Amino acid sequence: MGGDEARSTGKKVKAEKSEKVPARRSPAARTAVVSVNSELTPDERHRMIAEAAYHRAEQRGFTDGDPLQDWLEAEAAIELQMKNGNRRA
């Protein structure tokens, strides 16, 4: 090797990184994210309640019932599910 050639030491130099440790979210912040993501559009909410009310009537054979009562009970059940973070109907 001539004097003009640079010699490698075989060591790799790591580029300096300014690593930031991700900030931890408080439980309250996580709850806020969940509640924002679990909001329903009015159409989604209506569809879920309608399906739940239909299933209530279906379970009793579509007899001896009140459609309004089915709706109100289904609505309460959906609201409870949403409050608990469960989106399935």
C-alpha atoms as a PDB file:
ATOM      1  CA  MET A   1       0.000   0.000   0.000  1.00  0.00           C
ATOM      2  CA  GLY A   2       1.215   3.384  -0.839  1.00  0.00           C
ATOM      3  CA  GLY A   3       1.283   6.381   1.472  1.00  0.00           C
ATOM      4  CA  ASP A   4      -1.600   8.026  -0.400  1.00  0.00           C
ATOM      5  CA  GLU A   5      -4.106   5.290   0.471  1.00  0.00           C
ATOM      6  CA  ALA A   6      -6.186   5.574   3.617  1.00  0.00           C
ATOM      7  CA  ARG A   7      -6.230   2.526   5.832  1.00  0.00           C
ATOM      8  CA  SER A   8      -9.389   1.272   7.440  1.00  0.00           C
ATOM      9  CA  THR A   9      -9.188   0.247  11.047  1.00  0.00           C
ATOM     10  CA  GLY A  10     -12.097  -2.125  10.572  1.00  0.00           C
ATOM     11  CA  LYS A  11     -14.159  -0.249  13.161  1.00  0.00           C
ATOM     12  CA  LYS A  12     -17.500   1.147  12.237  1.00  0.00           C
ATOM     13  CA  VAL A  13     -18.390   4.467  13.726  1.00  0.00           C
ATOM     14  CA  LYS A  14     -21.999   4.785  14.776  1.00  0.00           C
ATOM     15  CA  ALA A  15     -23.730   7.962  13.808  1.00  0.00           C
ATOM     16  CA  GLU A  16     -24.798   9.928  16.822  1.00  0.00           C
ATOM     17  CA  LYS A  17     -28.512   9.762  17.385  1.00  0.00           C
ATOM     18  CA  SER A  18     -30.518  12.033  19.531  1.00  0.00           C
ATOM     19  CA  GLU A  19     -32.786   9.346  20.898  1.00  0.00           C
ATOM     20  CA  LYS A  20     -35.790  10.586  22.757  1.00  0.00           C
ATOM     21  CA  VAL A  21     -37.435   8.309  25.223  1.00  0.00           C
ATOM     22  CA  PRO A  22     -41.148   8.239  24.390  1.00  0.00           C
ATOM     23  CA  ALA A  23     -43.228   9.961  27.015  1.00  0.00           C
ATOM     24  CA  ARG A  24     -45.557   7.663  28.884  1.00  0.00           C
ATOM     25  CA  ARG A  25     -49.203   8.501  28.733  1.00  0.00           C
ATOM     26  CA  SER A  26     -51.108   8.772  31.914  1.00  0.00           C
ATOM     27  CA  PRO A  27     -54.064   6.409  32.381  1.00  0.00           C
ATOM     28  CA  ALA A  28     -56.359   9.394  31.922  1.00  0.00           C
ATOM     29  CA  ALA A  29     -54.803  10.137  28.541  1.00  0.00           C
ATOM     30  CA  ARG A  30     -55.276   6.521  27.457  1.00  0.00           C
ATOM     31  CA  THR A  31     -58.907   6.630  28.532  1.00  0.00           C
ATOM     32  CA  ALA A  32     -59.441   9.791  26.513  1.00  0.00           C
ATOM     33  CA  VAL A  33     -58.021   8.104  23.406  1.00  0.00           C
ATOM     34  CA  VAL A  34     -60.285   5.093  23.883  1.00  0.00           C
ATOM     35  CA  SER A  35     -63.384   7.213  24.347  1.00  0.00           C
ATOM     36  CA  VAL A  36     -62.606   9.315  21.267  1.00  0.00           C
ATOM     37  CA  ASN A  37     -62.068   6.199  19.162  1.00  0.00           C
ATOM     38  CA  SER A  38     -65.210   4.526  20.425  1.00  0.00           C
ATOM     39  CA  GLU A  39     -67.604   7.300  19.448  1.00  0.00           C
ATOM     40  CA  LEU A  40     -70.267   6.247  16.991  1.00  0.00           C
ATOM     41  CA  THR A  41     -71.842   8.210  14.232  1.00  0.00           C
ATOM     42  CA  PRO A  42     -75.588   8.717  14.684  1.00  0.00           C
ATOM     43  CA  ASP A  43     -76.209   6.256  11.831  1.00  0.00           C
ATOM     44  CA  GLU A  44     -74.005   3.561  13.407  1.00  0.00           C
ATOM     45  CA  ARG A  45     -75.686   4.040  16.781  1.00  0.00           C
ATOM     46  CA  HIS A  46     -79.165   3.848  15.224  1.00  0.00           C
ATOM     47  CA  ARG A  47     -78.270   0.684  13.300  1.00  0.00           C
ATOM     48  CA  MET A  48     -76.873  -1.005  16.418  1.00  0.00           C
ATOM     49  CA  ILE A  49     -79.971  -0.163  18.453  1.00  0.00           C
ATOM     50  CA  ALA A  50     -82.299  -1.315  15.661  1.00  0.00           C
ATOM     51  CA  GLU A  51     -80.474  -4.649  15.374  1.00  0.00           C
ATOM     52  CA  ALA A  52     -80.503  -5.181  19.141  1.00  0.00           C
ATOM     53  CA  ALA A  53     -84.225  -4.340  19.327  1.00  0.00           C
ATOM     54  CA  TYR A  54     -84.947  -6.748  16.484  1.00  0.00           C
ATOM     55  CA  HIS A  55     -83.036  -9.529  18.257  1.00  0.00           C
ATOM     56  CA  ARG A  56     -85.020  -8.908  21.451  1.00  0.00           C
ATOM     57  CA  ALA A  57     -88.290  -9.305  19.538  1.00  0.00           C
ATOM     58  CA  GLU A  58     -86.941 -12.339  17.694  1.00  0.00           C
ATOM     59  CA  GLN A  59     -85.963 -14.055  20.960  1.00  0.00           C
ATOM     60  CA  ARG A  60     -89.527 -13.938  22.190  1.00  0.00           C
ATOM     61  CA  GLY A  61     -90.917 -15.090  18.825  1.00  0.00           C
ATOM     62  CA  PHE A  62     -92.192 -11.617  17.812  1.00  0.00           C
ATOM     63  CA  THR A  63     -95.178 -12.032  20.128  1.00  0.00           C
ATOM     64  CA  ASP A  64     -96.397 -10.387  23.306  1.00  0.00           C
ATOM     65  CA  GLY A  65     -94.051  -7.456  23.154  1.00  0.00           C
ATOM     66  CA  ASP A  66     -93.877  -3.743  22.707  1.00  0.00           C
ATOM     67  CA  PRO A  67     -91.592  -2.448  19.933  1.00  0.00           C
ATOM     68  CA  LEU A  68     -90.994   0.777  21.859  1.00  0.00           C
ATOM     69  CA  GLN A  69     -89.950  -1.165  24.949  1.00  0.00           C
ATOM     70  CA  ASP A  70     -87.644  -3.316  22.795  1.00  0.00           C
ATOM     71  CA  TRP A  71     -86.077  -0.142  21.391  1.00  0.00           C
ATOM     72  CA  LEU A  72     -85.608   1.485  24.799  1.00  0.00           C
ATOM     73  CA  GLU A  73     -84.049  -1.651  26.296  1.00  0.00           C
ATOM     74  CA  ALA A  74     -81.786  -2.089  23.271  1.00  0.00           C
ATOM     75  CA  GLU A  75     -80.773   1.568  23.455  1.00  0.00           C
ATOM     76  CA  ALA A  76     -79.878   1.228  27.135  1.00  0.00           C
ATOM     77  CA  ALA A  77     -77.847  -1.917  26.421  1.00  0.00           C
ATOM     78  CA  ILE A  78     -75.927  -0.241  23.578  1.00  0.00           C
ATOM     79  CA  GLU A  79     -75.225   2.839  25.704  1.00  0.00           C
ATOM     80  CA  LEU A  80     -73.887   0.598  28.478  1.00  0.00           C
ATOM     81  CA  GLN A  81     -71.678  -1.280  26.023  1.00  0.00           C
ATOM     82  CA  MET A  82     -70.302   1.982  24.661  1.00  0.00           C
ATOM     83  CA  LYS A  83     -69.665   3.294  28.151  1.00  0.00           C
ATOM     84  CA  ASN A  84     -67.709   0.117  28.909  1.00  0.00           C
ATOM     85  CA  GLY A  85     -65.785   0.388  25.637  1.00  0.00           C
ATOM     86  CA  ASN A  86     -67.393  -2.553  23.893  1.00  0.00           C
ATOM     87  CA  ARG A  87     -68.497  -1.803  20.315  1.00  0.00           C
ATOM     88  CA  ARG A  88     -70.205  -5.050  19.468  1.00  0.00           C
ATOM     89  CA  ALA A  89     -73.966  -5.348  19.541  1.00  0.00           C
END
